[in-house]
Amino acid sequence: MTRSTADIIREYGPFSGTAGVNGVTYDGQRVWFAAGDKLNAVDPASGKILRSIDVAAHAGTAFDGEHLYQLAENRIQKIDPESGRVLATIPAPGGGGDSGLTWAEGTLWVGQYRDRKIHQIDPQTGAILRTIESNRFVTGVTWVDGDLWHGTSEGDQSDLRRIDPRTGEVLERLDMPPGTFVSGLESDGGDQFFCGGGRSGKLRAVRRPKRVQGDRPSLRRQRGQV
């Protein structure tokens, strides 16, 4: 396993009138974060909130290229980002104990906080397609370049982990500063992650490390798909 200190590029917030950051996603232009009773869209260049959607937003957030998905207690809401309307809902696999949420290869991936699991689910029905075990609390999840990463927080320590999506083996670990909570994780598709900061009300941009030569290939490279 490769282990290093997380390189925090930038901090955003805390944002006025926001109790915390519960989930994070990126639509290619804006960073969206869940703030309990609303979804906020932030300009990553200026750090300003551009707009808000009034919707229950208690945990992880995802974007499929067209729609937003938002964990709200025991359900996942599919949201039109333009109108803010909830178009559909499906049951969340953890029944309210869910944390991170991301979209990859036509399916949703949902973190189970205290159960220390990540589920791949059908976005139409919520049916669990497969499950990956973790040995830490799961606080966020994202895919980038065929790699599965998840955030953890336990005690006073949080980190970001690249794991083998077949076995759950930890391949790489980025240690966050002590006392820094991770709530929500999303890649920008390039060289950085966006991390929620929980009750601190902050967002953080963390540099994604370059692959070490000879490192284990991703599942996409091995099998041609996730």
C-alpha atoms as a PDB file:
ATOM      1  CA  MET A   1       0.000   0.000   0.000  1.00  0.00           C
ATOM      2  CA  THR A   2       1.171   3.506  -0.862  1.00  0.00           C
ATOM      3  CA  ARG A   3       0.680   5.997   1.971  1.00  0.00           C
ATOM      4  CA  SER A   4       1.180   9.769   1.952  1.00  0.00           C
ATOM      5  CA  THR A   5      -0.126  13.004   3.461  1.00  0.00           C
ATOM      6  CA  ALA A   6      -3.080  14.552   1.633  1.00  0.00           C
ATOM      7  CA  ASP A   7      -2.140  17.692  -0.295  1.00  0.00           C
ATOM      8  CA  ILE A   8      -4.969  20.152   0.451  1.00  0.00           C
ATOM      9  CA  ILE A   9      -4.968  22.638  -2.430  1.00  0.00           C
ATOM     10  CA  ARG A  10      -7.766  24.917  -1.249  1.00  0.00           C
ATOM     11  CA  GLU A  11     -10.458  25.357   1.363  1.00  0.00           C
ATOM     12  CA  TYR A  12     -13.890  26.852   0.670  1.00  0.00           C
ATOM     13  CA  GLY A  13     -16.189  28.234   3.354  1.00  0.00           C
ATOM     14  CA  PRO A  14     -17.512  27.968   5.928  1.00  0.00           C
ATOM     15  CA  PHE A  15     -20.602  29.159   4.091  1.00  0.00           C
ATOM     16  CA  SER A  16     -23.001  31.578   5.734  1.00  0.00           C
ATOM     17  CA  GLY A  17     -26.262  29.988   6.857  1.00  0.00           C
ATOM     18  CA  THR A  18     -24.945  26.464   6.327  1.00  0.00           C
ATOM     19  CA  ALA A  19     -24.791  24.066   9.284  1.00  0.00           C
ATOM     20  CA  GLY A  20     -22.513  21.594   7.524  1.00  0.00           C
ATOM     21  CA  VAL A  21     -21.497  19.786   4.355  1.00  0.00           C
ATOM     22  CA  ASN A  22     -23.127  16.347   4.101  1.00  0.00           C
ATOM     23  CA  GLY A  23     -22.336  15.199   0.554  1.00  0.00           C
ATOM     24  CA  VAL A  24     -20.438  16.426  -2.497  1.00  0.00           C
ATOM     25  CA  THR A  25     -20.606  16.029  -6.270  1.00  0.00           C
ATOM     26  CA  TYR A  26     -19.312  17.841  -9.360  1.00  0.00           C
ATOM     27  CA  ASP A  27     -21.190  18.506 -12.607  1.00  0.00           C
ATOM     28  CA  GLY A  28     -18.194  19.624 -14.667  1.00  0.00           C
ATOM     29  CA  GLN A  29     -18.636  23.287 -13.763  1.00  0.00           C
ATOM     30  CA  ARG A  30     -20.051  23.529 -10.262  1.00  0.00           C
ATOM     31  CA  VAL A  31     -19.451  21.706  -6.994  1.00  0.00           C
ATOM     32  CA  TRP A  32     -22.721  20.728  -5.355  1.00  0.00           C
ATOM     33  CA  PHE A  33     -22.923  20.051  -1.638  1.00  0.00           C
ATOM     34  CA  ALA A  34     -25.736  18.790   0.558  1.00  0.00           C
ATOM     35  CA  ALA A  35     -26.543  21.040   3.508  1.00  0.00           C
ATOM     36  CA  GLY A  36     -29.443  19.343   5.296  1.00  0.00           C
ATOM     37  CA  ASP A  37     -32.402  21.178   3.815  1.00  0.00           C
ATOM     38  CA  LYS A  38     -30.874  22.285   0.521  1.00  0.00           C
ATOM     39  CA  LEU A  39     -28.368  21.536  -2.223  1.00  0.00           C
ATOM     40  CA  ASN A  40     -25.907  24.340  -2.907  1.00  0.00           C
ATOM     41  CA  ALA A  41     -23.928  24.862  -6.118  1.00  0.00           C
ATOM     42  CA  VAL A  42     -20.499  26.451  -5.656  1.00  0.00           C
ATOM     43  CA  ASP A  43     -18.219  28.038  -8.249  1.00  0.00           C
ATOM     44  CA  PRO A  44     -14.865  26.296  -7.644  1.00  0.00           C
ATOM     45  CA  ALA A  45     -12.982  29.316  -9.007  1.00  0.00           C
ATOM     46  CA  SER A  46     -14.504  31.983  -6.759  1.00  0.00           C
ATOM     47  CA  GLY A  47     -15.816  29.808  -3.926  1.00  0.00           C
ATOM     48  CA  LYS A  48     -19.189  31.568  -4.075  1.00  0.00           C
ATOM     49  CA  ILE A  49     -22.570  29.838  -3.864  1.00  0.00           C
ATOM     50  CA  LEU A  50     -24.248  30.315  -7.241  1.00  0.00           C
ATOM     51  CA  ARG A  51     -27.667  28.836  -6.460  1.00  0.00           C
ATOM     52  CA  SER A  52     -29.533  26.566  -4.079  1.00  0.00           C
ATOM     53  CA  ILE A  53     -32.247  23.932  -4.419  1.00  0.00           C
ATOM     54  CA  ASP A  54     -34.659  23.471  -1.509  1.00  0.00           C
ATOM     55  CA  VAL A  55     -34.646  19.704  -1.035  1.00  0.00           C
ATOM     56  CA  ALA A  56     -33.848  17.261   1.765  1.00  0.00           C
ATOM     57  CA  ALA A  57     -30.091  16.664   1.565  1.00  0.00           C
ATOM     58  CA  HIS A  58     -28.861  14.649   4.530  1.00  0.00           C
ATOM     59  CA  ALA A  59     -25.907  12.687   3.169  1.00  0.00           C
ATOM     60  CA  GLY A  60     -24.193  11.736  -0.140  1.00  0.00           C
ATOM     61  CA  THR A  61     -24.737  13.473  -3.475  1.00  0.00           C
ATOM     62  CA  ALA A  62     -24.077  12.270  -7.053  1.00  0.00           C
ATOM     63  CA  PHE A  63     -24.399  13.459 -10.668  1.00  0.00           C
ATOM     64  CA  ASP A  64     -24.951  11.204 -13.690  1.00  0.00           C
ATOM     65  CA  GLY A  65     -24.263  13.803 -16.356  1.00  0.00           C
ATOM     66  CA  GLU A  66     -27.878  14.982 -16.396  1.00  0.00           C
ATOM     67  CA  HIS A  67     -29.477  14.502 -12.986  1.00  0.00           C
ATOM     68  CA  LEU A  68     -28.485  14.926  -9.368  1.00  0.00           C
ATOM     69  CA  TYR A  69     -29.008  12.116  -6.865  1.00  0.00           C
ATOM     70  CA  GLN A  70     -29.331  12.894  -3.181  1.00  0.00           C
ATOM     71  CA  LEU A  71     -29.498  10.759  -0.052  1.00  0.00           C
ATOM     72  CA  ALA A  72     -32.318  11.882   2.240  1.00  0.00           C
ATOM     73  CA  GLU A  73     -32.822   9.702   5.320  1.00  0.00           C
ATOM     74  CA  ASN A  74     -33.870   6.263   3.989  1.00  0.00           C
ATOM     75  CA  ARG A  75     -34.243   7.160   0.306  1.00  0.00           C
ATOM     76  CA  ILE A  76     -32.312   8.416  -2.720  1.00  0.00           C
ATOM     77  CA  GLN A  77     -33.911  11.253  -4.679  1.00  0.00           C
ATOM     78  CA  LYS A  78     -33.373  11.844  -8.400  1.00  0.00           C
ATOM     79  CA  ILE A  79     -33.422  15.602  -9.012  1.00  0.00           C
ATOM     80  CA  ASP A  80     -33.636  17.828 -12.076  1.00  0.00           C
ATOM     81  CA  PRO A  81     -30.849  20.386 -11.393  1.00  0.00           C
ATOM     82  CA  GLU A  82     -32.526  23.041 -13.550  1.00  0.00           C
ATOM     83  CA  SER A  83     -36.005  23.025 -12.010  1.00  0.00           C
ATOM     84  CA  GLY A  84     -35.067  21.501  -8.656  1.00  0.00           C
ATOM     85  CA  ARG A  85     -37.931  18.991  -8.958  1.00  0.00           C
ATOM     86  CA  VAL A  86     -37.627  15.519  -7.443  1.00  0.00           C
ATOM     87  CA  LEU A  87     -38.334  13.214 -10.391  1.00  0.00           C
ATOM     88  CA  ALA A  88     -38.158   9.843  -8.633  1.00  0.00           C
ATOM     89  CA  THR A  89     -37.083   8.134  -5.426  1.00  0.00           C
ATOM     90  CA  ILE A  90     -35.661   4.708  -4.632  1.00  0.00           C
ATOM     91  CA  PRO A  91     -34.940   3.095  -1.249  1.00  0.00           C
ATOM     92  CA  ALA A  92     -31.446   3.602   0.124  1.00  0.00           C
ATOM     93  CA  PRO A  93     -29.730   0.268   0.854  1.00  0.00           C
ATOM     94  CA  GLY A  94     -28.823   1.194   4.426  1.00  0.00           C
ATOM     95  CA  GLY A  95     -32.296   2.367   5.386  1.00  0.00           C
ATOM     96  CA  GLY A  96     -30.931   5.670   6.689  1.00  0.00           C
ATOM     97  CA  GLY A  97     -27.395   4.579   7.626  1.00  0.00           C
ATOM     98  CA  ASP A  98     -26.045   5.596   4.238  1.00  0.00           C
ATOM     99  CA  SER A  99     -23.195   8.033   3.670  1.00  0.00           C
ATOM    100  CA  GLY A 100     -21.327   8.559   0.369  1.00  0.00           C
ATOM    101  CA  LEU A 101     -22.930   8.436  -3.069  1.00  0.00           C
ATOM    102  CA  THR A 102     -21.484   8.470  -6.590  1.00  0.00           C
ATOM    103  CA  TRP A 103     -22.333   7.512 -10.161  1.00  0.00           C
ATOM    104  CA  ALA A 104     -20.197   5.217 -12.325  1.00  0.00           C
ATOM    105  CA  GLU A 105     -20.827   3.126 -15.415  1.00  0.00           C
ATOM    106  CA  GLY A 106     -24.610   3.424 -15.258  1.00  0.00           C
ATOM    107  CA  THR A 107     -25.031   2.546 -11.577  1.00  0.00           C
ATOM    108  CA  LEU A 108     -24.994   4.237  -8.191  1.00  0.00           C
ATOM    109  CA  TRP A 109     -22.463   3.412  -5.477  1.00  0.00           C
ATOM    110  CA  VAL A 110     -23.541   3.996  -1.895  1.00  0.00           C
ATOM    111  CA  GLY A 111     -21.387   4.057   1.225  1.00  0.00           C
ATOM    112  CA  GLN A 112     -22.643   2.473   4.447  1.00  0.00           C
ATOM    113  CA  TYR A 113     -21.159   4.487   7.286  1.00  0.00           C
ATOM    114  CA  ARG A 114     -21.078   2.284  10.384  1.00  0.00           C
ATOM    115  CA  ASP A 115     -21.561  -0.962   8.446  1.00  0.00           C
ATOM    116  CA  ARG A 116     -18.240  -0.208   6.676  1.00  0.00           C
ATOM    117  CA  LYS A 117     -19.531  -1.254   3.259  1.00  0.00           C
ATOM    118  CA  ILE A 118     -19.960   0.117  -0.259  1.00  0.00           C
ATOM    119  CA  HIS A 119     -22.918  -1.090  -2.314  1.00  0.00           C
ATOM    120  CA  GLN A 120     -23.346  -0.911  -6.079  1.00  0.00           C
ATOM    121  CA  ILE A 121     -27.069  -0.472  -6.739  1.00  0.00           C
ATOM    122  CA  ASP A 122     -29.515  -0.303  -9.633  1.00  0.00           C
ATOM    123  CA  PRO A 123     -30.483   3.397 -10.011  1.00  0.00           C
ATOM    124  CA  GLN A 124     -33.984   2.464 -11.174  1.00  0.00           C
ATOM    125  CA  THR A 125     -34.954   0.101  -8.358  1.00  0.00           C
ATOM    126  CA  GLY A 126     -32.348   0.437  -5.600  1.00  0.00           C
ATOM    127  CA  ALA A 127     -31.562  -3.286  -5.824  1.00  0.00           C
ATOM    128  CA  ILE A 128     -28.091  -4.155  -4.517  1.00  0.00           C
ATOM    129  CA  LEU A 129     -25.902  -5.566  -7.292  1.00  0.00           C
ATOM    130  CA  ARG A 130     -22.781  -6.228  -5.226  1.00  0.00           C
ATOM    131  CA  THR A 131     -21.095  -5.210  -1.995  1.00  0.00           C
ATOM    132  CA  ILE A 132     -17.519  -4.303  -1.072  1.00  0.00           C
ATOM    133  CA  GLU A 133     -16.337  -4.518   2.538  1.00  0.00           C
ATOM    134  CA  SER A 134     -14.168  -1.860   4.178  1.00  0.00           C
ATOM    135  CA  ASN A 135     -12.372  -1.906   7.523  1.00  0.00           C
ATOM    136  CA  ARG A 136     -13.185   1.747   8.301  1.00  0.00           C
ATOM    137  CA  PHE A 137     -16.292   3.899   8.514  1.00  0.00           C
ATOM    138  CA  VAL A 138     -17.227   4.938   4.959  1.00  0.00           C
ATOM    139  CA  THR A 139     -17.937   8.677   4.652  1.00  0.00           C
ATOM    140  CA  GLY A 140     -17.723   9.280   0.894  1.00  0.00           C
ATOM    141  CA  VAL A 141     -17.178   7.397  -2.346  1.00  0.00           C
ATOM    142  CA  THR A 142     -16.088   8.267  -5.890  1.00  0.00           C
ATOM    143  CA  TRP A 143     -14.762   6.691  -9.084  1.00  0.00           C
ATOM    144  CA  VAL A 144     -12.092   8.235 -11.315  1.00  0.00           C
ATOM    145  CA  ASP A 145     -10.205   6.654 -14.221  1.00  0.00           C
ATOM    146  CA  GLY A 146     -11.527   3.232 -13.259  1.00  0.00           C
ATOM    147  CA  ASP A 147     -10.349   3.567  -9.655  1.00  0.00           C
ATOM    148  CA  LEU A 148     -12.623   3.373  -6.623  1.00  0.00           C
ATOM    149  CA  TRP A 149     -11.814   5.788  -3.801  1.00  0.00           C
ATOM    150  CA  HIS A 150     -13.612   6.287  -0.516  1.00  0.00           C
ATOM    151  CA  GLY A 151     -13.348   8.639   2.411  1.00  0.00           C
ATOM    152  CA  THR A 152     -13.043   7.450   6.002  1.00  0.00           C
ATOM    153  CA  SER A 153     -13.341   9.012   9.419  1.00  0.00           C
ATOM    154  CA  GLU A 154     -12.803   7.225  12.699  1.00  0.00           C
ATOM    155  CA  GLY A 155     -11.745   8.784  15.955  1.00  0.00           C
ATOM    156  CA  ASP A 156      -9.625  11.841  15.198  1.00  0.00           C
ATOM    157  CA  GLN A 157      -8.302  10.544  11.870  1.00  0.00           C
ATOM    158  CA  SER A 158      -9.721  10.774   8.345  1.00  0.00           C
ATOM    159  CA  ASP A 159      -8.212   9.650   5.083  1.00  0.00           C
ATOM    160  CA  LEU A 160      -8.938   8.997   1.418  1.00  0.00           C
ATOM    161  CA  ARG A 161      -8.376   5.456   0.163  1.00  0.00           C
ATOM    162  CA  ARG A 162      -8.016   3.901  -3.250  1.00  0.00           C
ATOM    163  CA  ILE A 163      -9.208   0.323  -2.994  1.00  0.00           C
ATOM    164  CA  ASP A 164      -9.387  -2.772  -5.159  1.00  0.00           C
ATOM    165  CA  PRO A 165     -13.073  -2.801  -6.195  1.00  0.00           C
ATOM    166  CA  ARG A 166     -13.126  -6.607  -6.268  1.00  0.00           C
ATOM    167  CA  THR A 167     -11.574  -7.358  -2.875  1.00  0.00           C
ATOM    168  CA  GLY A 168     -11.691  -4.121  -0.880  1.00  0.00           C
ATOM    169  CA  GLU A 169      -7.909  -4.241  -0.407  1.00  0.00           C
ATOM    170  CA  VAL A 170      -6.469  -0.784   0.314  1.00  0.00           C
ATOM    171  CA  LEU A 171      -4.012   0.158  -2.455  1.00  0.00           C
ATOM    172  CA  GLU A 172      -3.333   3.780  -1.565  1.00  0.00           C
ATOM    173  CA  ARG A 173      -4.032   6.055   1.386  1.00  0.00           C
ATOM    174  CA  LEU A 174      -3.963   9.839   1.730  1.00  0.00           C
ATOM    175  CA  ASP A 175      -3.959  10.949   5.370  1.00  0.00           C
ATOM    176  CA  MET A 176      -5.917  14.104   6.151  1.00  0.00           C
ATOM    177  CA  PRO A 177      -4.753  16.425   8.968  1.00  0.00           C
ATOM    178  CA  PRO A 178      -5.797  15.258  12.467  1.00  0.00           C
ATOM    179  CA  GLY A 179      -9.244  16.525  13.390  1.00  0.00           C
ATOM    180  CA  THR A 180     -10.292  16.980   9.743  1.00  0.00           C
ATOM    181  CA  PHE A 181     -13.569  15.162   9.107  1.00  0.00           C
ATOM    182  CA  VAL A 182     -14.411  13.889   5.610  1.00  0.00           C
ATOM    183  CA  SER A 183     -18.105  13.912   4.683  1.00  0.00           C
ATOM    184  CA  GLY A 184     -18.617  13.337   0.996  1.00  0.00           C
ATOM    185  CA  LEU A 185     -16.012  12.756  -1.691  1.00  0.00           C
ATOM    186  CA  GLU A 186     -16.006  13.440  -5.434  1.00  0.00           C
ATOM    187  CA  SER A 187     -13.404  13.614  -8.170  1.00  0.00           C
ATOM    188  CA  ASP A 188     -13.370  16.455 -10.679  1.00  0.00           C
ATOM    189  CA  GLY A 189     -12.380  13.871 -13.310  1.00  0.00           C
ATOM    190  CA  GLY A 190      -8.848  15.276 -13.284  1.00  0.00           C
ATOM    191  CA  ASP A 191      -6.193  15.806 -10.660  1.00  0.00           C
ATOM    192  CA  GLN A 192      -8.242  16.747  -7.620  1.00  0.00           C
ATOM    193  CA  PHE A 193     -10.908  15.551  -5.206  1.00  0.00           C
ATOM    194  CA  PHE A 194     -13.552  17.649  -3.496  1.00  0.00           C
ATOM    195  CA  CYS A 195     -14.127  16.660   0.135  1.00  0.00           C
ATOM    196  CA  GLY A 196     -16.887  17.725   2.479  1.00  0.00           C
ATOM    197  CA  GLY A 197     -15.846  18.941   5.894  1.00  0.00           C
ATOM    198  CA  GLY A 198     -18.889  17.943   7.937  1.00  0.00           C
ATOM    199  CA  ARG A 199     -19.932  20.358  10.671  1.00  0.00           C
ATOM    200  CA  SER A 200     -17.004  22.657   9.907  1.00  0.00           C
ATOM    201  CA  GLY A 201     -19.106  23.825   6.959  1.00  0.00           C
ATOM    202  CA  LYS A 202     -16.054  23.683   4.700  1.00  0.00           C
ATOM    203  CA  LEU A 203     -15.232  22.127   1.350  1.00  0.00           C
ATOM    204  CA  ARG A 204     -11.659  21.096   0.597  1.00  0.00           C
ATOM    205  CA  ALA A 205      -9.896  20.429  -2.688  1.00  0.00           C
ATOM    206  CA  VAL A 206      -7.274  17.677  -2.379  1.00  0.00           C
ATOM    207  CA  ARG A 207      -4.729  16.830  -5.038  1.00  0.00           C
ATOM    208  CA  ARG A 208      -5.095  13.347  -6.544  1.00  0.00           C
ATOM    209  CA  PRO A 209      -1.670  11.679  -6.677  1.00  0.00           C
ATOM    210  CA  LYS A 210      -0.267  10.468  -9.954  1.00  0.00           C
ATOM    211  CA  ARG A 211      -0.072   6.731 -10.377  1.00  0.00           C
ATOM    212  CA  VAL A 212       3.218   5.180  -9.304  1.00  0.00           C
ATOM    213  CA  GLN A 213       4.934   3.346 -12.159  1.00  0.00           C
ATOM    214  CA  GLY A 214       4.259  -0.363 -11.843  1.00  0.00           C
ATOM    215  CA  ASP A 215       1.241   0.222  -9.609  1.00  0.00           C
ATOM    216  CA  ARG A 216      -1.598  -2.265  -9.834  1.00  0.00           C
ATOM    217  CA  PRO A 217      -3.868  -1.462 -12.828  1.00  0.00           C
ATOM    218  CA  SER A 218      -7.439  -0.387 -12.262  1.00  0.00           C
ATOM    219  CA  LEU A 219     -10.352  -2.733 -12.772  1.00  0.00           C
ATOM    220  CA  ARG A 220     -11.250  -0.882 -15.973  1.00  0.00           C
ATOM    221  CA  ARG A 221      -7.797  -1.545 -17.409  1.00  0.00           C
ATOM    222  CA  GLN A 222      -7.849  -5.176 -16.339  1.00  0.00           C
ATOM    223  CA  ARG A 223     -11.320  -6.091 -17.524  1.00  0.00           C
ATOM    224  CA  GLY A 224     -12.372  -3.298 -19.840  1.00  0.00           C
ATOM    225  CA  GLN A 225     -15.172  -2.211 -17.530  1.00  0.00           C
ATOM    226  CA  VAL A 226     -16.023  -1.381 -13.954  1.00  0.00           C
END
